Amino acid sequence: MDATAGMDTPKLPSAGGDPLAGGDSLAGGDPLLAGVRRLTLLADSAEDSEAIFRTLARELLAMPGAEEVHVHHLSESDGERELTVIYLFDGEGRLSYLTPRAERPPGVSWVASTGRGFLAADAHELASSVPRLVLVNRPPTGAACALLLPLTVRGEVEAVVLLVRRRSEIFTGRSIELATTLVDQAATALALMRARAEAGTDPVTGAMNHRAMRRRLQEEVGRALRAGSPLSCLLIDLDNFKLVNDRHGHQAGDAMLREVVQTLVGEFRAFDRVARYGGDEFVVILPNAELEAAVAAAQRALESLLMVPSFDANPGVSASIGVSQWQDPMTVDALLEACDTALLRSKRQGKGRVTRASAPAPL
């Protein structure tokens, strides 16, 4: 029998089904709204898709009574291997494996091609739609049913979310409704996160993000090469920033990062660009700036950062800065590496200082 037989009419129970005890009751508040709210907040703060998928798994494990959540990340090319991530234990446990697209489970293929959900509610349907699940989860603790839902971003099914239940009861209509809402909200969060990335904005600080920074720096290198104009770059690393997160929490750390960006933007010229390099590191792109001018600007920025309110006993934010000027034929990577080398020297010499990169060796 064809493994996809019977899937043209997915067995999704009506929304009026009785909730299952322990997993589907909404008594004592509305956990669905709470879960949607958490995923909505992630749309404004998540820096990668894993944070969204992990939160989605946590909400699914808590609400519809699932005991495992599998996320099948779909590839576009037949030759690519696809990643499957399995979340366990309230989303904190995580297993993953890669398989060729040709070995994609039939049920996952059906959901991917139709964009519709599917409930495998008995042993035969499980074996035909997700055979690997049956092999891995053998009785007496084997899977009793599996719910497969499409995660659609910008009209394309990007992943198939599979919820596994080992108990004898199948997922009720209410369970499916809750799970579908959460998966849809996660898709919205992914779309918004990627829209920000394409727009070049870091979600926490509002500064240019890493990807946009590299693109802009490449443009400035090209301009400097064509026009013969100078180009300099700063790499700024906040000193002891980890202590802020450890002592006061990540919200306080994020607030400080935003203050740092506002200070840097106010310090530099209107056509200079401030970007978040990652974590507590920032890049400032200085077109038409010789090395000495860039060093002087970095020193002024360092003094301005000392005026930023700090959560620690010592007032102000200390930073170490590395400065380098682009020289033909340096690449973007070579320029950033020169800044990084100078930054490390600032750290080793006691932090809270500006260090210029050594002159490149003659070719």
Protein backbone atom coordinates (compact mmCIF):
# COMPACT_ATOMS: atom_id res chain seq x y z
CA MET A 1 0.00 0.00 0.00
CA ASP A 2 1.21 3.50 -0.84
CA ALA A 3 2.63 5.12 2.29
CA THR A 4 0.67 8.28 1.58
CA ALA A 5 -2.65 6.52 1.07
CA GLY A 6 -5.49 7.99 3.08
CA MET A 7 -3.78 11.33 3.56
CA ASP A 8 -5.93 13.25 1.09
CA THR A 9 -8.44 13.78 3.90
CA PRO A 10 -6.46 14.53 7.08
CA LYS A 11 -8.20 13.32 10.19
CA LEU A 12 -8.45 16.52 12.17
CA PRO A 13 -11.09 16.20 14.89
CA SER A 14 -13.57 19.03 15.30
CA ALA A 15 -12.71 21.85 17.64
CA GLY A 16 -15.49 20.76 19.93
CA GLY A 17 -13.69 17.65 21.19
CA ASP A 18 -13.36 17.20 24.94
CA PRO A 19 -10.05 18.42 26.34
CA LEU A 20 -7.65 15.79 27.60
CA ALA A 21 -6.91 15.86 31.28
CA GLY A 22 -3.55 17.32 32.23
CA GLY A 23 -2.61 18.74 28.84
CA ASP A 24 -5.53 20.46 27.16
CA SER A 25 -7.43 22.20 29.94
CA LEU A 26 -7.41 25.97 29.89
CA ALA A 27 -8.51 26.25 33.49
CA GLY A 28 -6.75 28.79 35.62
CA GLY A 29 -6.09 31.30 32.81
CA ASP A 30 -5.48 31.02 29.11
CA PRO A 31 -2.09 29.41 28.41
CA LEU A 32 -2.70 29.76 24.67
CA LEU A 33 -2.69 33.55 24.92
CA ALA A 34 0.37 33.39 27.16
CA GLY A 35 2.18 31.18 24.65
CA VAL A 36 1.23 33.41 21.74
CA ARG A 37 2.42 36.42 23.71
CA ARG A 38 5.80 34.82 24.36
CA LEU A 39 6.24 33.97 20.68
CA THR A 40 5.16 37.51 19.74
CA LEU A 41 7.83 38.98 22.00
CA LEU A 42 10.38 36.71 20.33
CA ALA A 43 9.51 38.31 17.01
CA ASP A 44 10.98 41.53 18.40
CA SER A 45 14.04 40.08 20.11
CA ALA A 46 15.12 36.73 18.62
CA GLU A 47 18.50 36.78 16.88
CA ASP A 48 18.22 33.34 15.28
CA SER A 49 15.57 30.82 14.30
CA GLU A 50 16.67 28.27 16.92
CA ALA A 51 15.41 30.54 19.70
CA ILE A 52 11.99 30.61 18.04
CA PHE A 53 11.85 26.86 17.42
CA ARG A 54 12.93 26.08 20.99
CA THR A 55 10.26 28.36 22.44
CA LEU A 56 7.65 26.87 20.10
CA ALA A 57 8.61 23.37 21.26
CA ARG A 58 8.35 24.43 24.89
CA GLU A 59 4.85 25.81 24.36
CA LEU A 60 3.72 22.73 22.41
CA LEU A 61 5.04 20.34 25.04
CA ALA A 62 3.20 22.29 27.72
CA MET A 63 -0.16 22.73 26.02
CA PRO A 64 -1.46 20.01 23.68
CA GLY A 65 -0.08 17.12 25.72
CA ALA A 66 2.73 16.19 23.34
CA GLU A 67 5.68 14.29 24.73
CA GLU A 68 8.04 14.97 21.84
CA VAL A 69 8.20 17.74 19.27
CA HIS A 70 10.04 17.05 16.00
CA VAL A 71 10.87 19.89 13.62
CA HIS A 72 11.70 18.76 10.06
CA HIS A 73 13.56 21.61 8.34
CA LEU A 74 12.84 21.27 4.63
CA SER A 75 15.50 21.84 1.97
CA GLU A 76 14.78 23.19 -1.50
CA SER A 77 17.36 21.10 -3.32
CA ASP A 78 16.99 17.36 -3.89
CA GLY A 79 20.68 16.88 -3.17
CA GLU A 80 20.64 18.57 0.22
CA ARG A 81 20.43 16.81 3.57
CA GLU A 82 17.61 17.91 5.82
CA LEU A 83 17.89 18.66 9.51
CA THR A 84 15.44 17.16 11.97
CA VAL A 85 15.48 18.45 15.55
CA ILE A 86 13.71 16.60 18.38
CA TYR A 87 12.78 18.58 21.49
CA LEU A 88 12.12 16.82 24.80
CA PHE A 89 11.68 17.69 28.49
CA ASP A 90 9.86 21.02 28.17
CA GLY A 91 12.00 21.96 25.22
CA GLU A 92 15.28 21.84 27.11
CA GLY A 93 16.35 18.44 25.76
CA ARG A 94 17.43 18.50 22.13
CA LEU A 95 18.49 15.82 19.64
CA SER A 96 19.16 16.30 15.94
CA TYR A 97 20.10 14.34 12.86
CA LEU A 98 20.54 14.86 9.12
CA THR A 99 18.93 12.77 6.39
CA PRO A 100 18.91 13.02 2.58
CA ARG A 101 15.80 14.70 1.24
CA ALA A 102 14.98 11.47 -0.62
CA GLU A 103 14.47 9.80 2.77
CA ARG A 104 11.98 12.38 4.00
CA PRO A 105 9.06 10.60 5.78
CA PRO A 106 5.99 10.24 3.52
CA GLY A 107 3.79 12.14 5.98
CA VAL A 108 6.24 15.03 6.09
CA SER A 109 6.35 15.09 2.28
CA TRP A 110 2.56 15.21 2.11
CA VAL A 111 2.33 18.13 4.55
CA ALA A 112 5.16 19.93 2.75
CA SER A 113 3.47 19.60 -0.64
CA THR A 114 -0.11 20.38 0.43
CA GLY A 115 0.43 22.84 3.27
CA ARG A 116 -2.18 20.96 5.30
CA GLY A 117 -2.02 19.25 8.67
CA PHE A 118 -2.34 15.53 9.19
CA LEU A 119 -3.16 13.34 12.18
CA ALA A 120 -1.76 9.80 12.21
CA ALA A 121 -4.08 8.31 14.79
CA ASP A 122 -3.30 4.57 14.75
CA ALA A 123 -0.43 2.15 14.28
CA HIS A 124 -1.07 1.67 10.56
CA GLU A 125 -1.12 5.40 9.82
CA LEU A 126 2.01 5.94 11.92
CA ALA A 127 3.86 3.21 10.05
CA SER A 128 2.86 4.57 6.64
CA SER A 129 3.41 8.28 7.32
CA VAL A 130 6.33 8.41 9.78
CA PRO A 131 7.99 4.96 9.71
CA ARG A 132 11.15 6.11 11.47
CA LEU A 133 9.05 7.23 14.43
CA VAL A 134 7.57 3.74 14.73
CA LEU A 135 10.99 2.08 14.57
CA VAL A 136 12.49 4.37 17.21
CA ASN A 137 9.47 4.38 19.53
CA ARG A 138 8.62 0.70 19.94
CA PRO A 139 6.01 -0.63 22.42
CA PRO A 140 5.25 -0.48 25.25
CA THR A 141 6.40 3.16 25.23
CA GLY A 142 5.89 3.62 21.50
CA ALA A 143 4.04 6.45 19.82
CA ALA A 144 0.25 6.24 19.96
CA CYS A 145 -0.39 9.08 17.52
CA ALA A 146 1.39 11.90 15.75
CA LEU A 147 0.16 15.29 14.61
CA LEU A 148 1.99 16.87 11.64
CA LEU A 149 1.55 20.61 11.01
CA PRO A 150 3.03 22.90 8.36
CA LEU A 151 5.10 25.90 9.42
CA THR A 152 4.61 28.32 6.55
CA VAL A 153 6.71 31.45 6.05
CA ARG A 154 5.87 33.83 3.20
CA GLY A 155 3.67 31.29 1.51
CA GLU A 156 6.22 28.46 1.57
CA VAL A 157 6.22 25.47 3.93
CA GLU A 158 9.61 25.85 5.56
CA ALA A 159 9.30 23.16 8.21
CA VAL A 160 6.94 20.42 9.31
CA VAL A 161 6.27 20.27 13.04
CA LEU A 162 5.45 16.80 14.35
CA LEU A 163 3.92 16.30 17.81
CA VAL A 164 4.16 12.80 19.29
CA ARG A 165 1.93 11.35 21.98
CA ARG A 166 2.57 7.94 23.56
CA ARG A 167 -0.63 7.77 25.59
CA SER A 168 -3.56 5.89 24.11
CA GLU A 169 -5.73 8.99 23.62
CA ILE A 170 -5.35 10.82 20.33
CA PHE A 171 -4.98 14.58 20.06
CA THR A 172 -8.37 16.24 20.44
CA GLY A 173 -9.75 19.02 18.27
CA ARG A 174 -8.88 21.54 20.97
CA SER A 175 -5.32 20.24 21.11
CA ILE A 176 -4.96 20.60 17.36
CA GLU A 177 -6.42 24.10 17.45
CA LEU A 178 -3.94 25.17 20.12
CA ALA A 179 -0.98 23.58 18.37
CA THR A 180 -1.92 25.10 15.00
CA THR A 181 -2.19 28.57 16.52
CA LEU A 182 1.22 28.28 18.16
CA VAL A 183 2.88 26.99 14.99
CA ASP A 184 1.35 29.83 12.98
CA GLN A 185 2.58 32.36 15.53
CA ALA A 186 6.09 30.90 15.37
CA ALA A 187 5.97 31.28 11.57
CA THR A 188 5.02 34.94 12.01
CA ALA A 189 7.91 35.45 14.41
CA LEU A 190 10.33 33.88 11.92
CA ALA A 191 9.05 36.10 9.11
CA LEU A 192 9.44 39.26 11.21
CA MET A 193 12.92 38.25 12.39
CA ARG A 194 14.04 37.71 8.80
CA ALA A 195 12.46 40.93 7.63
CA ARG A 196 14.55 42.77 10.21
CA ALA A 197 17.66 40.90 9.11
CA GLU A 198 17.02 41.83 5.50
CA ALA A 199 16.45 45.42 6.56
CA GLY A 200 19.81 45.27 8.33
CA THR A 201 18.63 46.06 11.86
CA ASP A 202 19.81 44.41 15.07
CA PRO A 203 16.67 43.50 17.08
CA VAL A 204 18.09 44.43 20.49
CA THR A 205 19.87 47.72 19.88
CA GLY A 206 18.40 49.06 16.65
CA ALA A 207 21.90 49.40 15.22
CA MET A 208 22.99 47.98 11.88
CA ASN A 209 23.30 44.20 12.21
CA HIS A 210 26.33 42.07 11.37
CA ARG A 211 25.17 41.13 7.90
CA ALA A 212 24.35 44.70 6.92
CA MET A 213 27.64 45.89 8.41
CA ARG A 214 29.65 43.58 6.20
CA ARG A 215 27.66 44.63 3.17
CA ARG A 216 28.18 48.31 3.97
CA LEU A 217 31.88 47.83 4.70
CA GLN A 218 32.31 46.06 1.37
CA GLU A 219 30.67 49.01 -0.35
CA GLU A 220 32.97 51.44 1.44
CA VAL A 221 36.04 49.40 0.50
CA GLY A 222 34.94 49.56 -3.13
CA ARG A 223 34.41 53.30 -2.87
CA ALA A 224 37.81 53.83 -1.25
CA LEU A 225 39.44 51.73 -3.97
CA ARG A 226 37.78 53.68 -6.77
CA ALA A 227 38.22 57.16 -5.31
CA GLY A 228 41.52 56.64 -3.50
CA SER A 229 39.88 58.01 -0.35
CA PRO A 230 40.78 56.85 3.19
CA LEU A 231 38.63 54.42 5.15
CA SER A 232 38.99 53.45 8.80
CA CYS A 233 37.17 51.10 11.10
CA LEU A 234 36.76 50.67 14.86
CA LEU A 235 36.03 47.48 16.78
CA ILE A 236 34.66 48.18 20.26
CA ASP A 237 34.35 45.57 23.00
CA LEU A 238 32.67 46.47 26.31
CA ASP A 239 34.84 45.53 29.29
CA ASN A 240 33.38 43.05 31.80
CA PHE A 241 29.92 43.22 30.24
CA LYS A 242 29.21 39.60 31.22
CA LEU A 243 29.08 40.72 34.86
CA VAL A 244 26.11 42.95 34.07
CA ASN A 245 24.13 40.02 32.68
CA ASP A 246 25.20 37.74 35.53
CA ARG A 247 24.39 40.20 38.31
CA HIS A 248 21.41 42.10 36.93
CA GLY A 249 19.91 39.91 34.19
CA HIS A 250 19.76 40.06 30.42
CA GLN A 251 17.10 42.77 30.33
CA ALA A 252 19.46 45.10 32.15
CA GLY A 253 22.26 44.05 29.79
CA ASP A 254 20.10 44.77 26.74
CA ALA A 255 19.17 48.18 28.14
CA MET A 256 22.86 49.00 28.55
CA LEU A 257 23.61 47.89 24.99
CA ARG A 258 20.93 50.25 23.70
CA GLU A 259 22.42 53.11 25.72
CA VAL A 260 25.85 52.31 24.28
CA VAL A 261 24.52 52.41 20.71
CA GLN A 262 22.72 55.71 21.28
CA THR A 263 25.92 57.17 22.71
CA LEU A 264 28.03 55.96 19.79
CA VAL A 265 25.54 57.20 17.18
CA GLY A 266 25.52 60.61 18.84
CA GLU A 267 29.32 60.74 18.96
CA PHE A 268 30.17 59.99 15.33
CA ARG A 269 29.39 61.81 12.09
CA ALA A 270 26.03 61.44 10.35
CA PHE A 271 27.53 59.35 7.54
CA ASP A 272 29.52 57.07 9.85
CA ARG A 273 27.81 53.76 10.60
CA VAL A 274 27.49 52.01 13.97
CA ALA A 275 26.81 48.26 13.85
CA ARG A 276 26.49 45.47 16.37
CA TYR A 277 29.23 43.00 15.55
CA GLY A 278 27.85 40.43 18.00
CA GLY A 279 27.33 40.12 21.75
CA ASP A 280 28.88 43.21 23.34
CA GLU A 281 31.08 44.10 20.36
CA PHE A 282 30.38 46.96 17.96
CA VAL A 283 31.88 48.13 14.68
CA VAL A 284 32.04 51.75 13.57
CA ILE A 285 32.69 52.40 9.87
CA LEU A 286 34.47 55.72 9.23
CA PRO A 287 34.58 56.70 5.54
CA ASN A 288 37.03 59.44 4.55
CA ALA A 289 38.93 59.07 7.82
CA GLU A 290 42.69 58.61 8.15
CA LEU A 291 44.02 56.43 10.95
CA GLU A 292 44.94 59.35 13.23
CA ALA A 293 41.50 60.92 12.87
CA ALA A 294 39.88 57.55 13.60
CA VAL A 295 42.00 57.11 16.72
CA ALA A 296 41.00 60.56 17.96
CA ALA A 297 37.31 59.78 17.30
CA ALA A 298 37.67 56.46 19.15
CA GLN A 299 39.18 58.25 22.13
CA ARG A 300 36.26 60.68 22.25
CA ALA A 301 33.83 57.77 22.04
CA LEU A 302 35.62 56.06 24.93
CA GLU A 303 35.20 59.17 27.07
CA SER A 304 31.52 59.43 26.13
CA LEU A 305 30.90 55.81 27.09
CA LEU A 306 32.24 56.56 30.56
CA MET A 307 29.21 58.84 30.96
CA VAL A 308 26.72 56.04 30.22
CA PRO A 309 24.92 54.91 33.42
CA SER A 310 26.28 51.62 34.72
CA PHE A 311 24.70 49.01 37.00
CA ASP A 312 27.97 48.38 38.81
CA ALA A 313 29.64 50.37 41.57
CA ASN A 314 31.96 52.12 39.11
CA PRO A 315 30.10 54.73 37.05
CA GLY A 316 30.23 54.62 33.29
CA VAL A 317 30.88 51.91 30.72
CA SER A 318 34.46 50.90 30.03
CA ALA A 319 35.45 49.63 26.60
CA SER A 320 38.48 48.45 24.69
CA ILE A 321 38.83 49.68 21.12
CA GLY A 322 40.92 48.56 18.17
CA VAL A 323 41.39 50.90 15.20
CA SER A 324 42.63 50.14 11.70
CA GLN A 325 42.76 51.90 8.35
CA TRP A 326 42.04 50.07 5.12
CA GLN A 327 44.94 49.68 2.73
CA ASP A 328 44.77 48.23 -0.75
CA PRO A 329 44.51 45.20 -1.26
CA MET A 330 42.94 44.49 2.16
CA THR A 331 39.62 42.64 2.14
CA VAL A 332 36.76 43.27 4.56
CA ASP A 333 37.89 40.26 6.59
CA ALA A 334 41.47 41.53 6.68
CA LEU A 335 40.35 44.98 7.86
CA LEU A 336 38.19 43.50 10.63
CA GLU A 337 41.01 41.16 11.63
CA ALA A 338 43.40 44.10 11.94
CA CYS A 339 40.87 45.85 14.20
CA ASP A 340 40.47 42.68 16.25
CA THR A 341 44.23 42.29 16.70
CA ALA A 342 44.47 45.87 17.92
CA LEU A 343 41.48 45.30 20.23
CA LEU A 344 43.16 42.27 21.81
CA ARG A 345 46.20 44.41 22.54
CA SER A 346 43.93 46.93 24.27
CA LYS A 347 42.55 44.13 26.44
CA ARG A 348 45.99 42.78 27.31
CA GLN A 349 47.30 46.21 28.21
CA GLY A 350 44.62 46.77 30.84
CA LYS A 351 41.36 47.49 29.00
CA GLY A 352 39.63 50.85 28.78
CA ARG A 353 41.92 52.12 26.03
CA VAL A 354 42.30 52.67 22.29
CA THR A 355 44.94 50.78 20.29
CA ARG A 356 45.78 51.33 16.65
CA ALA A 357 46.63 48.49 14.31
CA SER A 358 50.22 48.01 13.24
CA ALA A 359 51.07 49.17 9.74
CA PRO A 360 50.68 46.34 7.21
CA ALA A 361 53.87 44.79 5.93
CA PRO A 362 54.87 46.03 2.46
CA LEU A 363 53.96 43.73 -0.43
